[in-house]
């Protein structure tokens, strides 16, 4: 999970349309730190969700009201994850390692055309 005090969160405020099952974007931005992002959300809505990783189990309810469709654990998490918080510097190191690993890989021959193949289509 990302470090809630250091991560830059994308904040989104949507108006949900039950008939179309789609959200209409009203406002958005970025905030550093979970508390700032949550405060931004609480100024706009009674239901506020914050996500600390890329899967459903890492959503937390930080608003005055739980969403009607599902109960999320309350904010803040009860403890740090066993592996520790994922910080922005960890992300930069992981991205650089991925780039270096990709540079060491031989290029996939399917990515370019060395010699074009001409096929007759009139047969």
PDB file of N, CA and C in Angstrom:
ATOM      1  N   UNK A   1       0.842  -1.181   0.000  1.00  0.00           N
ATOM      2  CA  UNK A   1       0.000   0.000   0.000  1.00  0.00           C
ATOM      3  C   UNK A   1       0.884   1.241   0.000  1.00  0.00           C
ATOM      4  N   UNK A   2       0.376   2.281  -0.660  1.00  0.00           N
ATOM      5  CA  UNK A   2       1.146   3.535  -0.714  1.00  0.00           C
ATOM      6  C   UNK A   2       1.173   4.202   0.655  1.00  0.00           C
ATOM      7  N   UNK A   3       2.210   4.967   0.869  1.00  0.00           N
ATOM      8  CA  UNK A   3       2.349   5.720   2.114  1.00  0.00           C
ATOM      9  C   UNK A   3       1.320   6.844   2.111  1.00  0.00           C
ATOM     10  N   UNK A   4       0.325   6.799   3.004  1.00  0.00           N
ATOM     11  CA  UNK A   4      -0.736   7.806   2.956  1.00  0.00           C
ATOM     12  C   UNK A   4      -0.261   9.224   3.221  1.00  0.00           C
ATOM     13  N   UNK A   5       0.875   9.395   3.878  1.00  0.00           N
ATOM     14  CA  UNK A   5       1.325  10.757   4.170  1.00  0.00           C
ATOM     15  C   UNK A   5       2.128  11.365   3.023  1.00  0.00           C
ATOM     16  N   UNK A   6       2.692  10.544   2.124  1.00  0.00           N
ATOM     17  CA  UNK A   6       3.586  11.068   1.096  1.00  0.00           C
ATOM     18  C   UNK A   6       3.069  10.906  -0.330  1.00  0.00           C
ATOM     19  N   UNK A   7       2.075  10.072  -0.522  1.00  0.00           N
ATOM     20  CA  UNK A   7       1.608   9.777  -1.876  1.00  0.00           C
ATOM     21  C   UNK A   7       0.810  10.945  -2.444  1.00  0.00           C
ATOM     22  N   UNK A   8       0.899  11.151  -3.767  1.00  0.00           N
ATOM     23  CA  UNK A   8       0.093  12.157  -4.451  1.00  0.00           C
ATOM     24  C   UNK A   8      -1.168  11.455  -4.956  1.00  0.00           C
ATOM     25  N   UNK A   9      -2.294  11.793  -4.368  1.00  0.00           N
ATOM     26  CA  UNK A   9      -3.572  11.164  -4.697  1.00  0.00           C
ATOM     27  C   UNK A   9      -4.300  11.947  -5.773  1.00  0.00           C
ATOM     28  N   UNK A  10      -4.907  11.228  -6.693  1.00  0.00           N
ATOM     29  CA  UNK A  10      -5.845  11.843  -7.633  1.00  0.00           C
ATOM     30  C   UNK A  10      -7.177  11.937  -6.906  1.00  0.00           C
ATOM     31  N   UNK A  11      -7.783  13.108  -6.930  1.00  0.00           N
ATOM     32  CA  UNK A  11      -9.078  13.297  -6.283  1.00  0.00           C
ATOM     33  C   UNK A  11     -10.120  13.536  -7.373  1.00  0.00           C
ATOM     34  N   UNK A  12     -11.266  12.902  -7.211  1.00  0.00           N
ATOM     35  CA  UNK A  12     -12.325  12.975  -8.218  1.00  0.00           C
ATOM     36  C   UNK A  12     -13.657  13.130  -7.506  1.00  0.00           C
ATOM     37  N   UNK A  13     -14.462  14.055  -7.978  1.00  0.00           N
ATOM     38  CA  UNK A  13     -15.817  14.245  -7.466  1.00  0.00           C
ATOM     39  C   UNK A  13     -16.759  14.012  -8.629  1.00  0.00           C
ATOM     40  N   UNK A  14     -17.642  13.025  -8.457  1.00  0.00           N
ATOM     41  CA  UNK A  14     -18.578  12.665  -9.510  1.00  0.00           C
ATOM     42  C   UNK A  14     -20.005  12.687  -8.992  1.00  0.00           C
ATOM     43  N   UNK A  15     -20.916  12.974  -9.892  1.00  0.00           N
ATOM     44  CA  UNK A  15     -22.345  12.845  -9.612  1.00  0.00           C
ATOM     45  C   UNK A  15     -22.781  11.543 -10.275  1.00  0.00           C
ATOM     46  N   UNK A  16     -23.264  10.587  -9.488  1.00  0.00           N
ATOM     47  CA  UNK A  16     -23.624   9.269  -9.993  1.00  0.00           C
ATOM     48  C   UNK A  16     -25.061   9.263 -10.504  1.00  0.00           C
ATOM     49  N   UNK A  17     -25.248   8.761 -11.710  1.00  0.00           N
ATOM     50  CA  UNK A  17     -26.576   8.646 -12.313  1.00  0.00           C
ATOM     51  C   UNK A  17     -27.005   7.185 -12.242  1.00  0.00           C
ATOM     52  N   UNK A  18     -27.965   6.900 -11.379  1.00  0.00           N
ATOM     53  CA  UNK A  18     -28.440   5.524 -11.191  1.00  0.00           C
ATOM     54  C   UNK A  18     -29.021   4.928 -12.466  1.00  0.00           C
ATOM     55  N   UNK A  19     -29.722   5.738 -13.263  1.00  0.00           N
ATOM     56  CA  UNK A  19     -30.374   5.192 -14.452  1.00  0.00           C
ATOM     57  C   UNK A  19     -29.366   4.741 -15.512  1.00  0.00           C
ATOM     58  N   UNK A  20     -28.263   5.462 -15.657  1.00  0.00           N
ATOM     59  CA  UNK A  20     -27.262   5.087 -16.661  1.00  0.00           C
ATOM     60  C   UNK A  20     -26.099   4.303 -16.054  1.00  0.00           C
ATOM     61  N   UNK A  21     -26.020   4.282 -14.713  1.00  0.00           N
ATOM     62  CA  UNK A  21     -24.910   3.633 -14.009  1.00  0.00           C
ATOM     63  C   UNK A  21     -23.556   4.229 -14.417  1.00  0.00           C
ATOM     64  N   UNK A  22     -23.536   5.543 -14.571  1.00  0.00           N
ATOM     65  CA  UNK A  22     -22.312   6.248 -14.922  1.00  0.00           C
ATOM     66  C   UNK A  22     -22.143   7.476 -14.031  1.00  0.00           C
ATOM     67  N   UNK A  23     -20.886   7.828 -13.830  1.00  0.00           N
ATOM     68  CA  UNK A  23     -20.588   9.030 -13.079  1.00  0.00           C
ATOM     69  C   UNK A  23     -20.303  10.193 -14.002  1.00  0.00           C
ATOM     70  N   UNK A  24     -20.744  11.381 -13.602  1.00  0.00           N
ATOM     71  CA  UNK A  24     -20.445  12.597 -14.353  1.00  0.00           C
ATOM     72  C   UNK A  24     -19.407  13.374 -13.561  1.00  0.00           C
ATOM     73  N   UNK A  25     -18.265  13.638 -14.189  1.00  0.00           N
ATOM     74  CA  UNK A  25     -17.178  14.346 -13.535  1.00  0.00           C
ATOM     75  C   UNK A  25     -17.589  15.785 -13.227  1.00  0.00           C
ATOM     76  N   UNK A  26     -17.435  16.164 -11.952  1.00  0.00           N
ATOM     77  CA  UNK A  26     -17.751  17.524 -11.530  1.00  0.00           C
ATOM     78  C   UNK A  26     -16.468  18.302 -11.253  1.00  0.00           C
ATOM     79  N   UNK A  27     -15.512  17.655 -10.583  1.00  0.00           N
ATOM     80  CA  UNK A  27     -14.258  18.320 -10.234  1.00  0.00           C
ATOM     81  C   UNK A  27     -13.196  17.250 -10.023  1.00  0.00           C
ATOM     82  N   UNK A  28     -11.926  17.633 -10.194  1.00  0.00           N
ATOM     83  CA  UNK A  28     -10.832  16.686  -9.961  1.00  0.00           C
ATOM     84  C   UNK A  28      -9.547  17.453  -9.722  1.00  0.00           C
ATOM     85  N   UNK A  29      -8.533  16.750  -9.276  1.00  0.00           N
ATOM     86  CA  UNK A  29      -7.240  17.372  -9.037  1.00  0.00           C
ATOM     87  C   UNK A  29      -6.283  16.370  -8.433  1.00  0.00           C
ATOM     88  N   UNK A  30      -5.214  16.876  -7.838  1.00  0.00           N
ATOM     89  CA  UNK A  30      -4.240  16.047  -7.150  1.00  0.00           C
ATOM     90  C   UNK A  30      -3.922  16.675  -5.795  1.00  0.00           C
ATOM     91  N   UNK A  31      -3.716  15.806  -4.800  1.00  0.00           N
ATOM     92  CA  UNK A  31      -3.397  16.260  -3.447  1.00  0.00           C
ATOM     93  C   UNK A  31      -2.278  15.392  -2.900  1.00  0.00           C
ATOM     94  N   UNK A  32      -1.319  16.013  -2.223  1.00  0.00           N
ATOM     95  CA  UNK A  32      -0.279  15.240  -1.554  1.00  0.00           C
ATOM     96  C   UNK A  32      -0.755  14.900  -0.157  1.00  0.00           C
ATOM     97  N   UNK A  33      -0.779  13.620   0.137  1.00  0.00           N
ATOM     98  CA  UNK A  33      -1.175  13.131   1.448  1.00  0.00           C
ATOM     99  C   UNK A  33      -2.654  12.793   1.526  1.00  0.00           C
ATOM    100  N   UNK A  34      -2.939  11.701   2.221  1.00  0.00           N
ATOM    101  CA  UNK A  34      -4.314  11.219   2.354  1.00  0.00           C
ATOM    102  C   UNK A  34      -5.203  12.215   3.089  1.00  0.00           C
ATOM    103  N   UNK A  35      -4.684  12.847   4.125  1.00  0.00           N
ATOM    104  CA  UNK A  35      -5.527  13.747   4.911  1.00  0.00           C
ATOM    105  C   UNK A  35      -6.019  14.925   4.070  1.00  0.00           C
ATOM    106  N   UNK A  36      -5.149  15.472   3.225  1.00  0.00           N
ATOM    107  CA  UNK A  36      -5.563  16.578   2.350  1.00  0.00           C
ATOM    108  C   UNK A  36      -6.591  16.093   1.333  1.00  0.00           C
ATOM    109  N   UNK A  37      -6.363  14.905   0.773  1.00  0.00           N
ATOM    110  CA  UNK A  37      -7.298  14.357  -0.213  1.00  0.00           C
ATOM    111  C   UNK A  37      -8.655  14.063   0.424  1.00  0.00           C
ATOM    112  N   UNK A  38      -8.641  13.525   1.626  1.00  0.00           N
ATOM    113  CA  UNK A  38      -9.892  13.218   2.330  1.00  0.00           C
ATOM    114  C   UNK A  38     -10.634  14.507   2.682  1.00  0.00           C
ATOM    115  N   UNK A  39      -9.920  15.510   3.157  1.00  0.00           N
ATOM    116  CA  UNK A  39     -10.559  16.794   3.482  1.00  0.00           C
ATOM    117  C   UNK A  39     -11.218  17.383   2.239  1.00  0.00           C
ATOM    118  N   UNK A  40     -10.534  17.313   1.089  1.00  0.00           N
ATOM    119  CA  UNK A  40     -11.093  17.794  -0.171  1.00  0.00           C
ATOM    120  C   UNK A  40     -12.395  17.054  -0.477  1.00  0.00           C
ATOM    121  N   UNK A  41     -12.379  15.738  -0.328  1.00  0.00           N
ATOM    122  CA  UNK A  41     -13.574  14.947  -0.594  1.00  0.00           C
ATOM    123  C   UNK A  41     -14.704  15.242   0.377  1.00  0.00           C
ATOM    124  N   UNK A  42     -14.375  15.386   1.660  1.00  0.00           N
ATOM    125  CA  UNK A  42     -15.411  15.641   2.675  1.00  0.00           C
ATOM    126  C   UNK A  42     -16.089  17.002   2.482  1.00  0.00           C
ATOM    127  N   UNK A  43     -15.380  17.955   1.898  1.00  0.00           N
ATOM    128  CA  UNK A  43     -15.994  19.262   1.607  1.00  0.00           C
ATOM    129  C   UNK A  43     -17.060  19.146   0.518  1.00  0.00           C
ATOM    130  N   UNK A  44     -17.009  18.070  -0.251  1.00  0.00           N
ATOM    131  CA  UNK A  44     -17.880  17.939  -1.417  1.00  0.00           C
ATOM    132  C   UNK A  44     -18.918  16.830  -1.312  1.00  0.00           C
ATOM    133  N   UNK A  45     -18.679  15.853  -0.430  1.00  0.00           N
ATOM    134  CA  UNK A  45     -19.564  14.690  -0.414  1.00  0.00           C
ATOM    135  C   UNK A  45     -19.594  14.035   0.962  1.00  0.00           C
ATOM    136  N   UNK A  46     -20.703  13.367   1.255  1.00  0.00           N
ATOM    137  CA  UNK A  46     -20.791  12.574   2.482  1.00  0.00           C
ATOM    138  C   UNK A  46     -20.106  11.218   2.329  1.00  0.00           C
ATOM    139  N   UNK A  47     -20.033  10.709   1.082  1.00  0.00           N
ATOM    140  CA  UNK A  47     -19.369   9.432   0.805  1.00  0.00           C
ATOM    141  C   UNK A  47     -17.997   9.741   0.233  1.00  0.00           C
ATOM    142  N   UNK A  48     -16.955   9.296   0.933  1.00  0.00           N
ATOM    143  CA  UNK A  48     -15.575   9.511   0.491  1.00  0.00           C
ATOM    144  C   UNK A  48     -14.847   8.177   0.590  1.00  0.00           C
ATOM    145  N   UNK A  49     -14.268   7.746  -0.521  1.00  0.00           N
ATOM    146  CA  UNK A  49     -13.455   6.535  -0.542  1.00  0.00           C
ATOM    147  C   UNK A  49     -12.021   6.910  -0.864  1.00  0.00           C
ATOM    148  N   UNK A  50     -11.084   6.217  -0.231  1.00  0.00           N
ATOM    149  CA  UNK A  50      -9.674   6.402  -0.543  1.00  0.00           C
ATOM    150  C   UNK A  50      -9.087   5.024  -0.796  1.00  0.00           C
ATOM    151  N   UNK A  51      -8.223   4.951  -1.824  1.00  0.00           N
ATOM    152  CA  UNK A  51      -7.631   3.667  -2.215  1.00  0.00           C
ATOM    153  C   UNK A  51      -6.121   3.764  -2.065  1.00  0.00           C
ATOM    154  N   UNK A  52      -5.538   2.772  -1.395  1.00  0.00           N
ATOM    155  CA  UNK A  52      -4.102   2.767  -1.147  1.00  0.00           C
ATOM    156  C   UNK A  52      -3.338   1.771  -2.014  1.00  0.00           C
ATOM    157  N   UNK A  53      -4.032   1.020  -2.843  1.00  0.00           N
ATOM    158  CA  UNK A  53      -3.389   0.074  -3.771  1.00  0.00           C
ATOM    159  C   UNK A  53      -4.382  -0.220  -4.885  1.00  0.00           C
ATOM    160  N   UNK A  54      -3.980  -1.094  -5.809  1.00  0.00           N
ATOM    161  CA  UNK A  54      -4.763  -1.295  -7.027  1.00  0.00           C
ATOM    162  C   UNK A  54      -5.788  -2.419  -6.964  1.00  0.00           C
ATOM    163  N   UNK A  55      -6.323  -2.730  -5.826  1.00  0.00           N
ATOM    164  CA  UNK A  55      -7.366  -3.760  -5.784  1.00  0.00           C
ATOM    165  C   UNK A  55      -8.427  -3.389  -4.748  1.00  0.00           C
ATOM    166  N   UNK A  56      -9.551  -4.056  -4.867  1.00  0.00           N
ATOM    167  CA  UNK A  56     -10.736  -3.728  -4.062  1.00  0.00           C
ATOM    168  C   UNK A  56     -10.479  -3.723  -2.555  1.00  0.00           C
ATOM    169  N   UNK A  57      -9.621  -4.634  -2.071  1.00  0.00           N
ATOM    170  CA  UNK A  57      -9.449  -4.725  -0.613  1.00  0.00           C
ATOM    171  C   UNK A  57      -8.678  -3.562  -0.008  1.00  0.00           C
ATOM    172  N   UNK A  58      -8.180  -2.651  -0.843  1.00  0.00           N
ATOM    173  CA  UNK A  58      -7.421  -1.517  -0.337  1.00  0.00           C
ATOM    174  C   UNK A  58      -8.196  -0.202  -0.387  1.00  0.00           C
ATOM    175  N   UNK A  59      -9.508  -0.287  -0.530  1.00  0.00           N
ATOM    176  CA  UNK A  59     -10.371   0.885  -0.404  1.00  0.00           C
ATOM    177  C   UNK A  59     -10.756   1.056   1.056  1.00  0.00           C
ATOM    178  N   UNK A  60     -10.841   2.309   1.499  1.00  0.00           N
ATOM    179  CA  UNK A  60     -11.279   2.623   2.853  1.00  0.00           C
ATOM    180  C   UNK A  60     -12.344   3.705   2.767  1.00  0.00           C
ATOM    181  N   UNK A  61     -13.294   3.659   3.684  1.00  0.00           N
ATOM    182  CA  UNK A  61     -14.346   4.666   3.746  1.00  0.00           C
ATOM    183  C   UNK A  61     -13.897   5.770   4.695  1.00  0.00           C
ATOM    184  N   UNK A  62     -13.808   6.989   4.169  1.00  0.00           N
ATOM    185  CA  UNK A  62     -13.354   8.121   4.969  1.00  0.00           C
ATOM    186  C   UNK A  62     -14.420   9.202   5.089  1.00  0.00           C
ATOM    187  N   UNK A  63     -15.606   8.927   4.600  1.00  0.00           N
ATOM    188  CA  UNK A  63     -16.675   9.915   4.638  1.00  0.00           C
ATOM    189  C   UNK A  63     -17.576   9.757   5.847  1.00  0.00           C
ATOM    190  N   UNK A  64     -18.583  10.607   5.918  1.00  0.00           N
ATOM    191  CA  UNK A  64     -19.555  10.535   7.014  1.00  0.00           C
ATOM    192  C   UNK A  64     -20.550   9.390   6.806  1.00  0.00           C
ATOM    193  N   UNK A  65     -20.667   8.926   5.549  1.00  0.00           N
ATOM    194  CA  UNK A  65     -21.644   7.899   5.193  1.00  0.00           C
ATOM    195  C   UNK A  65     -20.945   6.800   4.396  1.00  0.00           C
ATOM    196  N   UNK A  66     -21.287   5.547   4.690  1.00  0.00           N
ATOM    197  CA  UNK A  66     -20.780   4.420   3.895  1.00  0.00           C
ATOM    198  C   UNK A  66     -21.519   4.382   2.560  1.00  0.00           C
ATOM    199  N   UNK A  67     -20.871   3.953   1.482  1.00  0.00           N
ATOM    200  CA  UNK A  67     -21.597   3.778   0.221  1.00  0.00           C
ATOM    201  C   UNK A  67     -22.725   2.768   0.407  1.00  0.00           C
ATOM    202  N   UNK A  68     -23.847   2.949  -0.266  1.00  0.00           N
ATOM    203  CA  UNK A  68     -24.986   2.052  -0.048  1.00  0.00           C
ATOM    204  C   UNK A  68     -24.785   0.649  -0.619  1.00  0.00           C
ATOM    205  N   UNK A  69     -23.866   0.486  -1.574  1.00  0.00           N
ATOM    206  CA  UNK A  69     -23.720  -0.805  -2.242  1.00  0.00           C
ATOM    207  C   UNK A  69     -22.715  -1.740  -1.595  1.00  0.00           C
ATOM    208  N   UNK A  70     -21.830  -1.201  -0.727  1.00  0.00           N
ATOM    209  CA  UNK A  70     -20.794  -2.048  -0.140  1.00  0.00           C
ATOM    210  C   UNK A  70     -20.206  -1.371   1.088  1.00  0.00           C
ATOM    211  N   UNK A  71     -19.889  -2.175   2.092  1.00  0.00           N
ATOM    212  CA  UNK A  71     -19.240  -1.648   3.294  1.00  0.00           C
ATOM    213  C   UNK A  71     -17.729  -1.765   3.140  1.00  0.00           C
ATOM    214  N   UNK A  72     -17.041  -0.657   3.342  1.00  0.00           N
ATOM    215  CA  UNK A  72     -15.583  -0.624   3.271  1.00  0.00           C
ATOM    216  C   UNK A  72     -15.040  -0.445   4.677  1.00  0.00           C
ATOM    217  N   UNK A  73     -13.816  -0.914   4.936  1.00  0.00           N
ATOM    218  CA  UNK A  73     -13.233  -0.676   6.260  1.00  0.00           C
ATOM    219  C   UNK A  73     -13.083   0.821   6.500  1.00  0.00           C
ATOM    220  N   UNK A  74     -13.197   1.236   7.750  1.00  0.00           N
ATOM    221  CA  UNK A  74     -13.091   2.667   8.045  1.00  0.00           C
ATOM    222  C   UNK A  74     -11.654   3.167   7.914  1.00  0.00           C
ATOM    223  N   UNK A  75     -11.537   4.435   7.557  1.00  0.00           N
ATOM    224  CA  UNK A  75     -10.249   5.111   7.514  1.00  0.00           C
ATOM    225  C   UNK A  75      -9.894   5.568   8.911  1.00  0.00           C
ATOM    226  N   UNK A  76      -8.677   5.492   9.351  1.00  0.00           N
ATOM    227  CA  UNK A  76      -7.478   5.008   8.684  1.00  0.00           C
ATOM    228  C   UNK A  76      -7.310   3.503   8.870  1.00  0.00           C
ATOM    229  N   UNK A  77      -6.389   2.882   8.118  1.00  0.00           N
ATOM    230  CA  UNK A  77      -6.135   1.452   8.318  1.00  0.00           C
ATOM    231  C   UNK A  77      -5.682   1.207   9.750  1.00  0.00           C
ATOM    232  N   UNK A  78      -5.969   0.035  10.261  1.00  0.00           N
ATOM    233  CA  UNK A  78      -5.625  -0.266  11.656  1.00  0.00           C
ATOM    234  C   UNK A  78      -4.122  -0.377  11.882  1.00  0.00           C
ATOM    235  N   UNK A  79      -3.359  -0.714  10.820  1.00  0.00           N
ATOM    236  CA  UNK A  79      -1.909  -0.824  10.960  1.00  0.00           C
ATOM    237  C   UNK A  79      -1.248  -0.724   9.590  1.00  0.00           C
ATOM    238  N   UNK A  80       0.050  -0.514   9.609  1.00  0.00           N
ATOM    239  CA  UNK A  80       0.814  -0.488   8.355  1.00  0.00           C
ATOM    240  C   UNK A  80       0.867  -1.896   7.780  1.00  0.00           C
ATOM    241  N   UNK A  81       1.010  -2.019   6.462  1.00  0.00           N
ATOM    242  CA  UNK A  81       1.099  -3.350   5.866  1.00  0.00           C
ATOM    243  C   UNK A  81       2.368  -4.070   6.325  1.00  0.00           C
ATOM    244  N   UNK A  82       2.368  -5.410   6.349  1.00  0.00           N
ATOM    245  CA  UNK A  82       3.542  -6.162   6.824  1.00  0.00           C
ATOM    246  C   UNK A  82       4.838  -5.802   6.086  1.00  0.00           C
ATOM    247  N   UNK A  83       4.750  -5.513   4.797  1.00  0.00           N
ATOM    248  CA  UNK A  83       5.948  -5.167   4.022  1.00  0.00           C
ATOM    249  C   UNK A  83       6.291  -3.685   4.131  1.00  0.00           C
ATOM    250  N   UNK A  84       5.510  -2.913   4.866  1.00  0.00           N
ATOM    251  CA  UNK A  84       5.741  -1.479   5.003  1.00  0.00           C
ATOM    252  C   UNK A  84       5.005  -0.699   3.937  1.00  0.00           C
ATOM    253  N   UNK A  85       5.035   0.616   4.080  1.00  0.00           N
ATOM    254  CA  UNK A  85       4.366   1.493   3.124  1.00  0.00           C
ATOM    255  C   UNK A  85       5.196   1.620   1.864  1.00  0.00           C
ATOM    256  N   UNK A  86       4.525   1.756   0.731  1.00  0.00           N
ATOM    257  CA  UNK A  86       5.159   1.984  -0.566  1.00  0.00           C
ATOM    258  C   UNK A  86       5.265   3.489  -0.746  1.00  0.00           C
ATOM    259  N   UNK A  87       6.486   4.009  -0.882  1.00  0.00           N
ATOM    260  CA  UNK A  87       6.679   5.453  -0.969  1.00  0.00           C
ATOM    261  C   UNK A  87       6.908   5.889  -2.420  1.00  0.00           C
ATOM    262  N   UNK A  88       6.772   7.176  -2.716  1.00  0.00           N
ATOM    263  CA  UNK A  88       7.069   7.649  -4.070  1.00  0.00           C
ATOM    264  C   UNK A  88       8.488   7.309  -4.516  1.00  0.00           C
ATOM    265  N   UNK A  89       9.471   7.334  -3.595  1.00  0.00           N
ATOM    266  CA  UNK A  89      10.842   6.985  -3.983  1.00  0.00           C
ATOM    267  C   UNK A  89      10.941   5.501  -4.334  1.00  0.00           C
ATOM    268  N   UNK A  90      10.174   4.637  -3.647  1.00  0.00           N
ATOM    269  CA  UNK A  90      10.134   3.215  -4.013  1.00  0.00           C
ATOM    270  C   UNK A  90       9.623   3.059  -5.431  1.00  0.00           C
ATOM    271  N   UNK A  91       8.614   3.832  -5.792  1.00  0.00           N
ATOM    272  CA  UNK A  91       8.039   3.769  -7.132  1.00  0.00           C
ATOM    273  C   UNK A  91       9.065   4.196  -8.176  1.00  0.00           C
ATOM    274  N   UNK A  92       9.818   5.237  -7.897  1.00  0.00           N
ATOM    275  CA  UNK A  92      10.840   5.700  -8.834  1.00  0.00           C
ATOM    276  C   UNK A  92      11.925   4.642  -9.011  1.00  0.00           C
ATOM    277  N   UNK A  93      12.339   4.003  -7.919  1.00  0.00           N
ATOM    278  CA  UNK A  93      13.354   2.951  -7.999  1.00  0.00           C
ATOM    279  C   UNK A  93      12.820   1.763  -8.793  1.00  0.00           C
ATOM    280  N   UNK A  94      11.569   1.373  -8.554  1.00  0.00           N
ATOM    281  CA  UNK A  94      10.974   0.250  -9.281  1.00  0.00           C
ATOM    282  C   UNK A  94      10.851   0.570 -10.765  1.00  0.00           C
ATOM    283  N   UNK A  95      10.462   1.791 -11.097  1.00  0.00           N
ATOM    284  CA  UNK A  95      10.336   2.180 -12.509  1.00  0.00           C
ATOM    285  C   UNK A  95      11.702   2.150 -13.186  1.00  0.00           C
ATOM    286  N   UNK A  96      12.727   2.674 -12.535  1.00  0.00           N
ATOM    287  CA  UNK A  96      14.066   2.668 -13.114  1.00  0.00           C
ATOM    288  C   UNK A  96      14.565   1.239 -13.308  1.00  0.00           C
ATOM    289  N   UNK A  97      14.305   0.353 -12.355  1.00  0.00           N
ATOM    290  CA  UNK A  97      14.705  -1.049 -12.501  1.00  0.00           C
ATOM    291  C   UNK A  97      13.987  -1.702 -13.680  1.00  0.00           C
ATOM    292  N   UNK A  98      12.716  -1.392 -13.858  1.00  0.00           N
ATOM    293  CA  UNK A  98      11.961  -1.946 -14.985  1.00  0.00           C
ATOM    294  C   UNK A  98      12.535  -1.455 -16.308  1.00  0.00           C
ATOM    295  N   UNK A  99      12.893  -0.167 -16.377  1.00  0.00           N
ATOM    296  CA  UNK A  99      13.498   0.376 -17.595  1.00  0.00           C
ATOM    297  C   UNK A  99      14.839  -0.296 -17.889  1.00  0.00           C
ATOM    298  N   UNK A 100      15.656  -0.455 -16.858  1.00  0.00           N
ATOM    299  CA  UNK A 100      16.964  -1.098 -17.049  1.00  0.00           C
ATOM    300  C   UNK A 100      16.798  -2.543 -17.517  1.00  0.00           C
ATOM    301  N   UNK A 101      15.860  -3.270 -16.918  1.00  0.00           N
ATOM    302  CA  UNK A 101      15.614  -4.651 -17.339  1.00  0.00           C
ATOM    303  C   UNK A 101      15.152  -4.697 -18.782  1.00  0.00           C
ATOM    304  N   UNK A 102      14.327  -3.749 -19.190  1.00  0.00           N
ATOM    305  CA  UNK A 102      13.835  -3.718 -20.563  1.00  0.00           C
ATOM    306  C   UNK A 102      14.977  -3.412 -21.537  1.00  0.00           C
ATOM    307  N   UNK A 103      15.918  -2.565 -21.126  1.00  0.00           N
ATOM    308  CA  UNK A 103      17.053  -2.245 -22.002  1.00  0.00           C
ATOM    309  C   UNK A 103      17.933  -3.459 -22.247  1.00  0.00           C
ATOM    310  N   UNK A 104      18.013  -4.348 -21.249  1.00  0.00           N
ATOM    311  CA  UNK A 104      18.860  -5.534 -21.357  1.00  0.00           C
ATOM    312  C   UNK A 104      18.236  -6.638 -22.201  1.00  0.00           C
ATOM    313  N   UNK A 105      16.950  -6.556 -22.425  1.00  0.00           N
ATOM    314  CA  UNK A 105      16.254  -7.580 -23.214  1.00  0.00           C
ATOM    315  C   UNK A 105      16.509  -7.355 -24.698  1.00  0.00           C
ATOM    316  N   UNK A 106      16.708  -8.461 -25.453  1.00  0.00           N
ATOM    317  CA  UNK A 106      16.822  -8.261 -26.901  1.00  0.00           C
ATOM    318  C   UNK A 106      15.479  -7.807 -27.465  1.00  0.00           C
ATOM    319  N   UNK A 107      15.511  -6.974 -28.496  1.00  0.00           N
ATOM    320  CA  UNK A 107      14.241  -6.496 -29.049  1.00  0.00           C
ATOM    321  C   UNK A 107      13.434  -7.645 -29.650  1.00  0.00           C
ATOM    322  N   UNK A 108      12.156  -7.562 -29.504  1.00  0.00           N
ATOM    323  CA  UNK A 108      11.250  -8.556 -30.077  1.00  0.00           C
ATOM    324  C   UNK A 108      11.236  -8.366 -31.594  1.00  0.00           C
ATOM    325  N   UNK A 109      11.518  -9.407 -32.351  1.00  0.00           N
ATOM    326  CA  UNK A 109      11.570  -9.236 -33.809  1.00  0.00           C
ATOM    327  C   UNK A 109      10.221  -8.847 -34.416  1.00  0.00           C
ATOM    328  N   UNK A 110       9.160  -9.041 -33.676  1.00  0.00           N
ATOM    329  CA  UNK A 110       7.844  -8.680 -34.202  1.00  0.00           C
ATOM    330  C   UNK A 110       7.577  -7.180 -34.119  1.00  0.00           C
ATOM    331  N   UNK A 111       8.441  -6.435 -33.446  1.00  0.00           N
ATOM    332  CA  UNK A 111       8.204  -5.001 -33.254  1.00  0.00           C
ATOM    333  C   UNK A 111       8.585  -4.152 -34.455  1.00  0.00           C
ATOM    334  N   UNK A 112       9.355  -4.690 -35.362  1.00  0.00           N
ATOM    335  CA  UNK A 112       9.749  -3.918 -36.530  1.00  0.00           C
ATOM    336  C   UNK A 112       9.747  -4.812 -37.752  1.00  0.00           C
ATOM    337  N   UNK A 113       9.803  -4.196 -38.877  1.00  0.00           N
ATOM    338  CA  UNK A 113       9.834  -4.951 -40.126  1.00  0.00           C
ATOM    339  C   UNK A 113      11.227  -4.799 -40.709  1.00  0.00           C
ATOM    340  N   UNK A 114      11.936  -5.915 -40.802  1.00  0.00           N
ATOM    341  CA  UNK A 114      13.271  -5.875 -41.371  1.00  0.00           C
ATOM    342  C   UNK A 114      13.177  -5.863 -42.892  1.00  0.00           C
ATOM    343  N   UNK A 115      12.329  -6.722 -43.422  1.00  0.00           N
ATOM    344  CA  UNK A 115      12.136  -6.797 -44.867  1.00  0.00           C
ATOM    345  C   UNK A 115      10.654  -6.966 -45.125  1.00  0.00           C
ATOM    346  N   UNK A 116      10.025  -6.041 -45.801  1.00  0.00           N
ATOM    347  CA  UNK A 116       8.583  -6.166 -46.009  1.00  0.00           C
ATOM    348  C   UNK A 116       8.257  -7.376 -46.868  1.00  0.00           C
ATOM    349  N   UNK A 117       7.144  -7.973 -46.545  1.00  0.00           N
ATOM    350  CA  UNK A 117       6.653  -9.110 -47.324  1.00  0.00           C
ATOM    351  C   UNK A 117       5.540  -8.609 -48.233  1.00  0.00           C
ATOM    352  N   UNK A 118       5.676  -8.892 -49.520  1.00  0.00           N
ATOM    353  CA  UNK A 118       4.664  -8.462 -50.481  1.00  0.00           C
ATOM    354  C   UNK A 118       3.839  -9.681 -50.863  1.00  0.00           C
ATOM    355  N   UNK A 119       2.581  -9.574 -50.666  1.00  0.00           N
ATOM    356  CA  UNK A 119       1.669 -10.685 -50.994  1.00  0.00           C
ATOM    357  C   UNK A 119       0.740 -10.250 -52.100  1.00  0.00           C
ATOM    358  N   UNK A 120       0.548 -11.136 -53.042  1.00  0.00           N
ATOM    359  CA  UNK A 120      -0.398 -10.852 -54.120  1.00  0.00           C
ATOM    360  C   UNK A 120      -1.798 -11.119 -53.613  1.00  0.00           C
ATOM    361  N   UNK A 121      -2.680 -10.219 -53.916  1.00  0.00           N
ATOM    362  CA  UNK A 121      -4.077 -10.378 -53.476  1.00  0.00           C
ATOM    363  C   UNK A 121      -5.013 -10.742 -54.616  1.00  0.00           C
ATOM    364  N   UNK A 122      -4.488 -10.838 -55.836  1.00  0.00           N
ATOM    365  CA  UNK A 122      -5.363 -11.108 -56.988  1.00  0.00           C
ATOM    366  C   UNK A 122      -5.513 -12.594 -57.280  1.00  0.00           C
ATOM    367  N   UNK A 123      -4.994 -13.454 -56.487  1.00  0.00           N
ATOM    368  CA  UNK A 123      -5.097 -14.912 -56.726  1.00  0.00           C
ATOM    369  C   UNK A 123      -6.212 -15.529 -55.967  1.00  0.00           C
TER     370      UNK A 123
END
